[in-house]
């Protein structure tokens, strides 16, 4: 992400999920993104169509 000063900052995966949560779904007209598990990964998923907008994989 870029700030007004032109510097970039690092966002953790968990913070990125939080930033996406409650946004409108880009894949359907009526959905809102919610935090939940998707295929055993932390994710933000559309509450209407079930499409994941982002998921975090845990390294094994």
N, C-alpha and C. Protein backbone atom coordinates (compact mmCIF):
# COMPACT_ATOMS: atom_id res chain seq x y z
N UNK A 1 0.84 -1.17 0.00
CA UNK A 1 0.00 0.00 0.00
C UNK A 1 0.88 1.23 0.00
N UNK A 2 0.46 2.28 -0.63
CA UNK A 2 1.22 3.51 -0.67
C UNK A 2 0.58 4.54 0.24
N UNK A 3 1.41 5.34 0.85
CA UNK A 3 0.90 6.42 1.67
C UNK A 3 1.04 7.73 0.91
N UNK A 4 0.56 8.81 1.49
CA UNK A 4 0.62 10.12 0.84
C UNK A 4 2.05 10.58 0.65
N UNK A 5 2.98 10.07 1.44
CA UNK A 5 4.38 10.46 1.33
C UNK A 5 5.12 9.68 0.26
N UNK A 6 4.46 8.73 -0.35
CA UNK A 6 5.10 7.92 -1.38
C UNK A 6 5.82 6.71 -0.83
N UNK A 7 5.83 6.55 0.47
CA UNK A 7 6.46 5.38 1.07
C UNK A 7 5.48 4.22 1.06
N UNK A 8 6.01 3.03 0.90
CA UNK A 8 5.14 1.85 0.98
C UNK A 8 5.23 1.29 2.38
N UNK A 9 4.20 0.58 2.77
CA UNK A 9 4.22 -0.07 4.08
C UNK A 9 3.79 -1.51 3.90
N UNK A 10 4.27 -2.33 4.77
CA UNK A 10 3.92 -3.74 4.73
C UNK A 10 2.68 -3.98 5.58
N UNK A 11 1.77 -4.75 5.04
CA UNK A 11 0.54 -5.11 5.75
C UNK A 11 0.57 -6.61 5.96
N UNK A 12 0.32 -7.04 7.19
CA UNK A 12 0.29 -8.48 7.45
C UNK A 12 -0.92 -9.11 6.77
N UNK A 13 -0.88 -10.40 6.60
CA UNK A 13 -2.00 -11.10 5.99
C UNK A 13 -3.28 -10.92 6.78
N UNK A 14 -3.17 -10.96 8.10
CA UNK A 14 -4.35 -10.78 8.95
C UNK A 14 -4.91 -9.37 8.80
N UNK A 15 -4.03 -8.37 8.72
CA UNK A 15 -4.49 -6.99 8.51
C UNK A 15 -5.15 -6.84 7.14
N UNK A 16 -4.62 -7.51 6.13
CA UNK A 16 -5.21 -7.44 4.79
C UNK A 16 -6.61 -8.04 4.79
N UNK A 17 -6.79 -9.14 5.50
CA UNK A 17 -8.13 -9.73 5.61
C UNK A 17 -9.09 -8.74 6.28
N UNK A 18 -8.62 -8.09 7.33
CA UNK A 18 -9.46 -7.13 8.05
C UNK A 18 -9.83 -5.94 7.15
N UNK A 19 -8.91 -5.51 6.30
CA UNK A 19 -9.19 -4.40 5.39
C UNK A 19 -10.25 -4.76 4.36
N UNK A 20 -10.28 -6.01 3.94
CA UNK A 20 -11.26 -6.45 2.94
C UNK A 20 -12.63 -6.76 3.54
N UNK A 21 -12.65 -7.13 4.81
CA UNK A 21 -13.90 -7.53 5.46
C UNK A 21 -14.94 -6.41 5.37
N UNK A 22 -16.17 -6.77 5.09
CA UNK A 22 -17.33 -5.88 4.96
C UNK A 22 -17.36 -5.09 3.65
N UNK A 23 -16.41 -5.34 2.75
CA UNK A 23 -16.47 -4.72 1.42
C UNK A 23 -17.45 -5.49 0.55
N UNK A 24 -17.90 -4.85 -0.52
CA UNK A 24 -18.78 -5.52 -1.48
C UNK A 24 -18.00 -6.58 -2.24
N UNK A 25 -18.67 -7.65 -2.60
CA UNK A 25 -18.07 -8.71 -3.40
C UNK A 25 -17.87 -8.22 -4.83
N UNK A 26 -16.72 -8.53 -5.40
CA UNK A 26 -16.43 -8.16 -6.79
C UNK A 26 -16.97 -9.19 -7.78
N UNK A 27 -17.48 -10.32 -7.28
CA UNK A 27 -17.90 -11.41 -8.15
C UNK A 27 -19.41 -11.55 -8.28
N UNK A 28 -20.17 -10.88 -7.42
CA UNK A 28 -21.63 -10.93 -7.52
C UNK A 28 -22.21 -9.58 -7.10
N UNK A 29 -23.47 -9.36 -7.39
CA UNK A 29 -24.09 -8.06 -7.16
C UNK A 29 -24.53 -7.82 -5.71
N UNK A 30 -24.80 -8.88 -4.96
CA UNK A 30 -25.43 -8.71 -3.66
C UNK A 30 -24.57 -9.07 -2.46
N UNK A 31 -23.37 -9.56 -2.68
CA UNK A 31 -22.58 -10.11 -1.58
C UNK A 31 -21.73 -9.10 -0.84
N UNK A 32 -21.41 -9.48 0.39
CA UNK A 32 -20.50 -8.73 1.26
C UNK A 32 -19.44 -9.71 1.75
N UNK A 33 -18.21 -9.24 1.86
CA UNK A 33 -17.11 -10.11 2.29
C UNK A 33 -17.13 -10.28 3.81
N UNK A 34 -17.00 -11.53 4.23
CA UNK A 34 -16.99 -11.88 5.66
C UNK A 34 -15.78 -12.77 5.94
N UNK A 35 -15.28 -12.72 7.18
CA UNK A 35 -14.16 -13.57 7.58
C UNK A 35 -14.68 -14.95 7.91
N UNK A 36 -14.05 -15.96 7.35
CA UNK A 36 -14.35 -17.35 7.70
C UNK A 36 -13.25 -18.24 7.16
N UNK A 37 -13.35 -19.52 7.44
CA UNK A 37 -12.40 -20.50 6.93
C UNK A 37 -12.82 -20.89 5.52
N UNK A 38 -11.86 -21.04 4.63
CA UNK A 38 -12.12 -21.51 3.27
C UNK A 38 -11.07 -22.56 2.97
N UNK A 39 -11.49 -23.80 2.80
CA UNK A 39 -10.57 -24.92 2.55
C UNK A 39 -9.45 -24.96 3.59
N UNK A 40 -9.84 -24.82 4.84
CA UNK A 40 -8.93 -24.86 5.99
C UNK A 40 -7.97 -23.68 6.07
N UNK A 41 -8.23 -22.59 5.36
CA UNK A 41 -7.40 -21.39 5.41
C UNK A 41 -8.22 -20.22 5.95
N UNK A 42 -7.56 -19.28 6.66
CA UNK A 42 -8.21 -18.03 7.02
C UNK A 42 -8.50 -17.28 5.73
N UNK A 43 -9.69 -16.68 5.63
CA UNK A 43 -10.08 -16.06 4.37
C UNK A 43 -11.14 -14.99 4.58
N UNK A 44 -11.36 -14.19 3.54
CA UNK A 44 -12.57 -13.37 3.42
C UNK A 44 -13.31 -13.92 2.22
N UNK A 45 -14.59 -14.23 2.45
CA UNK A 45 -15.41 -14.94 1.48
C UNK A 45 -16.73 -14.19 1.32
N UNK A 46 -17.28 -14.20 0.12
CA UNK A 46 -18.58 -13.58 -0.11
C UNK A 46 -19.67 -14.35 0.62
N UNK A 47 -20.51 -13.61 1.34
CA UNK A 47 -21.60 -14.26 2.09
C UNK A 47 -22.74 -14.72 1.19
N UNK A 48 -22.75 -14.33 -0.09
CA UNK A 48 -23.80 -14.74 -1.01
C UNK A 48 -23.34 -15.83 -1.99
N UNK A 49 -22.22 -15.58 -2.68
CA UNK A 49 -21.79 -16.54 -3.71
C UNK A 49 -20.70 -17.50 -3.23
N UNK A 50 -20.09 -17.22 -2.06
CA UNK A 50 -19.09 -18.12 -1.50
C UNK A 50 -17.70 -18.01 -2.11
N UNK A 51 -17.50 -17.06 -3.01
CA UNK A 51 -16.20 -16.89 -3.65
C UNK A 51 -15.22 -16.24 -2.68
N UNK A 52 -14.01 -16.81 -2.52
CA UNK A 52 -13.02 -16.18 -1.66
C UNK A 52 -12.38 -14.99 -2.37
N UNK A 53 -12.29 -13.87 -1.68
CA UNK A 53 -11.58 -12.70 -2.22
C UNK A 53 -10.10 -12.79 -1.88
N UNK A 54 -9.79 -13.43 -0.75
CA UNK A 54 -8.40 -13.61 -0.32
C UNK A 54 -8.37 -14.73 0.70
N UNK A 55 -7.32 -15.54 0.64
CA UNK A 55 -7.12 -16.56 1.66
C UNK A 55 -5.64 -16.65 1.99
N UNK A 56 -5.36 -17.02 3.23
CA UNK A 56 -3.98 -17.16 3.70
C UNK A 56 -3.66 -18.63 3.88
N UNK A 57 -2.58 -19.06 3.26
CA UNK A 57 -2.12 -20.44 3.41
C UNK A 57 -1.12 -20.49 4.54
N UNK A 58 -1.26 -21.50 5.39
CA UNK A 58 -0.30 -21.72 6.46
C UNK A 58 0.81 -22.61 5.92
N UNK A 59 2.08 -22.19 6.07
CA UNK A 59 3.17 -23.07 5.63
C UNK A 59 3.21 -24.31 6.52
N UNK A 60 3.48 -25.42 5.91
CA UNK A 60 3.51 -26.68 6.68
C UNK A 60 4.89 -27.00 7.13
